Amino acid sequence: MWIFSIMLAPLLLSANLTKSTNFVYDTSNGSIWQDSVENITLRLSHKEAISYCENLTISGKSNWHLASKDEYSTIIDKTRKDEHQINRSFKYSMPVDYWTSDTTWRSFGRYAYYVFLKSGSIYYENKTYKKFVRCVK
């Protein structure tokens, strides 16, 4: 019974996401995720990604930030059998690297974490590399 409950957890989280025009709403925690064409066209360094999110205004909504590893864990869907491990509510997604707001002590703080949406796994890389961006509020 315990294993069965764990396997259902991602499905239960998925039911709390609702797609809107440029957003995906998470009714379980009140988060609003950016879901627009910029999520598949804009590649930035880590510093640029943070600034982009902080300055973002979509449909009058501001106060965005670059999503953290923990926030990404709420939209990862490892039950999917295709190459996208993000919840199906998201229209604009690539099975590639998306920066998180989290950094690491490695190399004197020159590295930050990213989520690889093809596998839903977290890795780290030099902050100067260009990666895709997804903001949340």
Protein backbone atom coordinates (compact mmCIF):
# COMPACT_ATOMS: atom_id res chain seq x y z
CA MET A 1 0.00 0.00 0.00
CA TRP A 2 2.83 2.42 0.82
CA ILE A 3 4.48 1.96 -2.60
CA PHE A 4 1.14 2.48 -4.33
CA SER A 5 0.70 5.81 -2.53
CA ILE A 6 4.15 7.02 -3.59
CA MET A 7 3.45 6.15 -7.20
CA LEU A 8 0.22 8.18 -7.13
CA ALA A 9 1.85 11.29 -5.65
CA PRO A 10 2.98 12.76 -9.02
CA LEU A 11 -0.49 12.20 -10.45
CA LEU A 12 -2.10 14.01 -7.54
CA LEU A 13 0.25 16.98 -7.94
CA SER A 14 -0.55 17.14 -11.65
CA ALA A 15 -4.26 17.54 -10.96
CA ASN A 16 -3.56 20.88 -9.20
CA LEU A 17 -2.15 22.62 -12.29
CA THR A 18 -4.40 24.70 -14.54
CA LYS A 19 -3.34 26.30 -17.84
CA SER A 20 -4.26 29.87 -18.68
CA THR A 21 -3.09 32.07 -21.58
CA ASN A 22 0.48 32.87 -20.44
CA PHE A 23 0.44 31.07 -17.11
CA VAL A 24 0.02 27.76 -15.34
CA TYR A 25 -1.65 28.07 -11.94
CA ASP A 26 -0.80 25.65 -9.14
CA THR A 27 -3.86 25.58 -6.90
CA SER A 28 -2.10 23.41 -4.31
CA ASN A 29 0.39 26.11 -3.29
CA GLY A 30 -0.82 29.31 -5.02
CA SER A 31 2.13 29.53 -7.41
CA ILE A 32 1.78 31.04 -10.85
CA TRP A 33 4.22 29.80 -13.50
CA GLN A 34 5.21 31.68 -16.62
CA ASP A 35 4.23 29.69 -19.72
CA SER A 36 4.92 31.78 -22.80
CA VAL A 37 6.95 31.60 -26.00
CA GLU A 38 9.95 33.12 -24.18
CA ASN A 39 10.26 29.83 -22.28
CA ILE A 40 11.38 28.14 -25.51
CA THR A 41 13.20 30.99 -27.24
CA LEU A 42 15.11 32.92 -24.57
CA ARG A 43 18.49 31.57 -23.43
CA LEU A 44 20.36 33.56 -20.77
CA SER A 45 23.23 33.32 -18.32
CA HIS A 46 22.27 32.68 -14.70
CA LYS A 47 22.69 36.35 -13.77
CA GLU A 48 20.65 37.46 -16.80
CA ALA A 49 17.94 34.89 -15.95
CA ILE A 50 17.56 36.26 -12.40
CA SER A 51 17.32 39.82 -13.72
CA TYR A 52 14.86 38.80 -16.46
CA CYS A 53 12.49 37.22 -13.93
CA GLU A 54 12.78 40.10 -11.45
CA ASN A 55 11.86 42.59 -14.20
CA LEU A 56 9.19 40.50 -15.90
CA THR A 57 5.63 41.79 -16.25
CA ILE A 58 3.05 39.66 -18.07
CA SER A 59 -0.59 40.71 -18.33
CA GLY A 60 -0.03 43.19 -15.49
CA LYS A 61 1.54 40.56 -13.21
CA SER A 62 4.95 41.39 -11.72
CA ASN A 63 7.01 40.18 -8.71
CA TRP A 64 8.39 37.11 -10.52
CA HIS A 65 11.53 35.20 -9.57
CA LEU A 66 13.64 32.46 -11.14
CA ALA A 67 12.23 29.10 -10.05
CA SER A 68 14.14 27.11 -7.41
CA LYS A 69 14.92 23.39 -7.42
CA ASP A 70 12.14 22.85 -4.89
CA GLU A 71 9.64 24.78 -6.99
CA TYR A 72 10.54 22.78 -10.09
CA SER A 73 9.92 19.57 -8.15
CA THR A 74 6.22 20.50 -8.00
CA ILE A 75 5.86 20.52 -11.81
CA ILE A 76 8.12 17.62 -12.79
CA ASP A 77 6.10 14.63 -13.99
CA LYS A 78 8.23 11.50 -14.20
CA THR A 79 5.19 9.39 -15.15
CA ARG A 80 5.39 10.77 -18.69
CA LYS A 81 6.71 8.32 -21.25
CA ASP A 82 7.94 10.93 -23.75
CA GLU A 83 10.98 13.19 -23.58
CA HIS A 84 9.31 15.94 -21.53
CA GLN A 85 9.30 15.40 -17.78
CA ILE A 86 7.25 18.51 -17.09
CA ASN A 87 3.53 18.50 -16.35
CA ARG A 88 1.37 18.47 -19.51
CA SER A 89 -0.31 21.73 -18.47
CA PHE A 90 2.77 23.54 -19.82
CA LYS A 91 2.52 24.40 -23.51
CA TYR A 92 5.91 26.11 -23.88
CA SER A 93 8.60 23.67 -22.83
CA MET A 94 11.71 22.13 -24.34
CA PRO A 95 13.33 18.89 -23.12
CA VAL A 96 16.53 20.79 -22.28
CA ASP A 97 18.21 22.81 -19.51
CA TYR A 98 16.37 25.46 -17.44
CA TRP A 99 18.17 27.51 -14.80
CA THR A 100 17.08 27.33 -11.16
CA SER A 101 17.72 30.12 -8.67
CA ASP A 102 19.89 27.81 -6.56
CA THR A 103 23.68 28.15 -6.58
CA THR A 104 26.43 25.89 -5.32
CA TRP A 105 29.62 26.46 -3.37
CA ARG A 106 31.67 24.65 -6.05
CA SER A 107 34.40 26.78 -7.63
CA PHE A 108 33.79 29.72 -5.31
CA GLY A 109 30.13 30.09 -6.22
CA ARG A 110 30.60 30.21 -9.98
CA TYR A 111 28.10 27.39 -10.52
CA ALA A 112 24.32 27.21 -10.36
CA TYR A 113 21.83 24.37 -10.62
CA TYR A 114 19.57 23.70 -13.58
CA VAL A 115 16.84 21.19 -14.27
CA PHE A 116 17.17 18.97 -17.35
CA LEU A 117 13.55 18.58 -18.44
CA LYS A 118 14.25 15.53 -20.58
CA SER A 119 14.88 13.52 -17.41
CA GLY A 120 13.58 15.84 -14.68
CA SER A 121 17.02 15.66 -13.03
CA ILE A 122 19.03 18.45 -11.41
CA TYR A 123 22.63 19.24 -12.42
CA TYR A 124 24.97 22.21 -12.04
CA GLU A 125 26.99 24.26 -14.50
CA ASN A 126 28.99 27.45 -14.77
CA LYS A 127 26.68 30.46 -14.38
CA THR A 128 27.95 32.04 -17.61
CA TYR A 129 26.42 29.30 -19.80
CA LYS A 130 23.20 30.16 -21.61
CA LYS A 131 20.12 28.16 -20.59
CA PHE A 132 16.37 28.51 -20.87
CA VAL A 133 14.40 30.36 -18.20
CA ARG A 134 11.07 29.81 -16.43
CA CYS A 135 9.79 32.32 -13.88
CA VAL A 136 7.33 31.76 -11.04
CA LYS A 137 5.53 33.89 -8.49
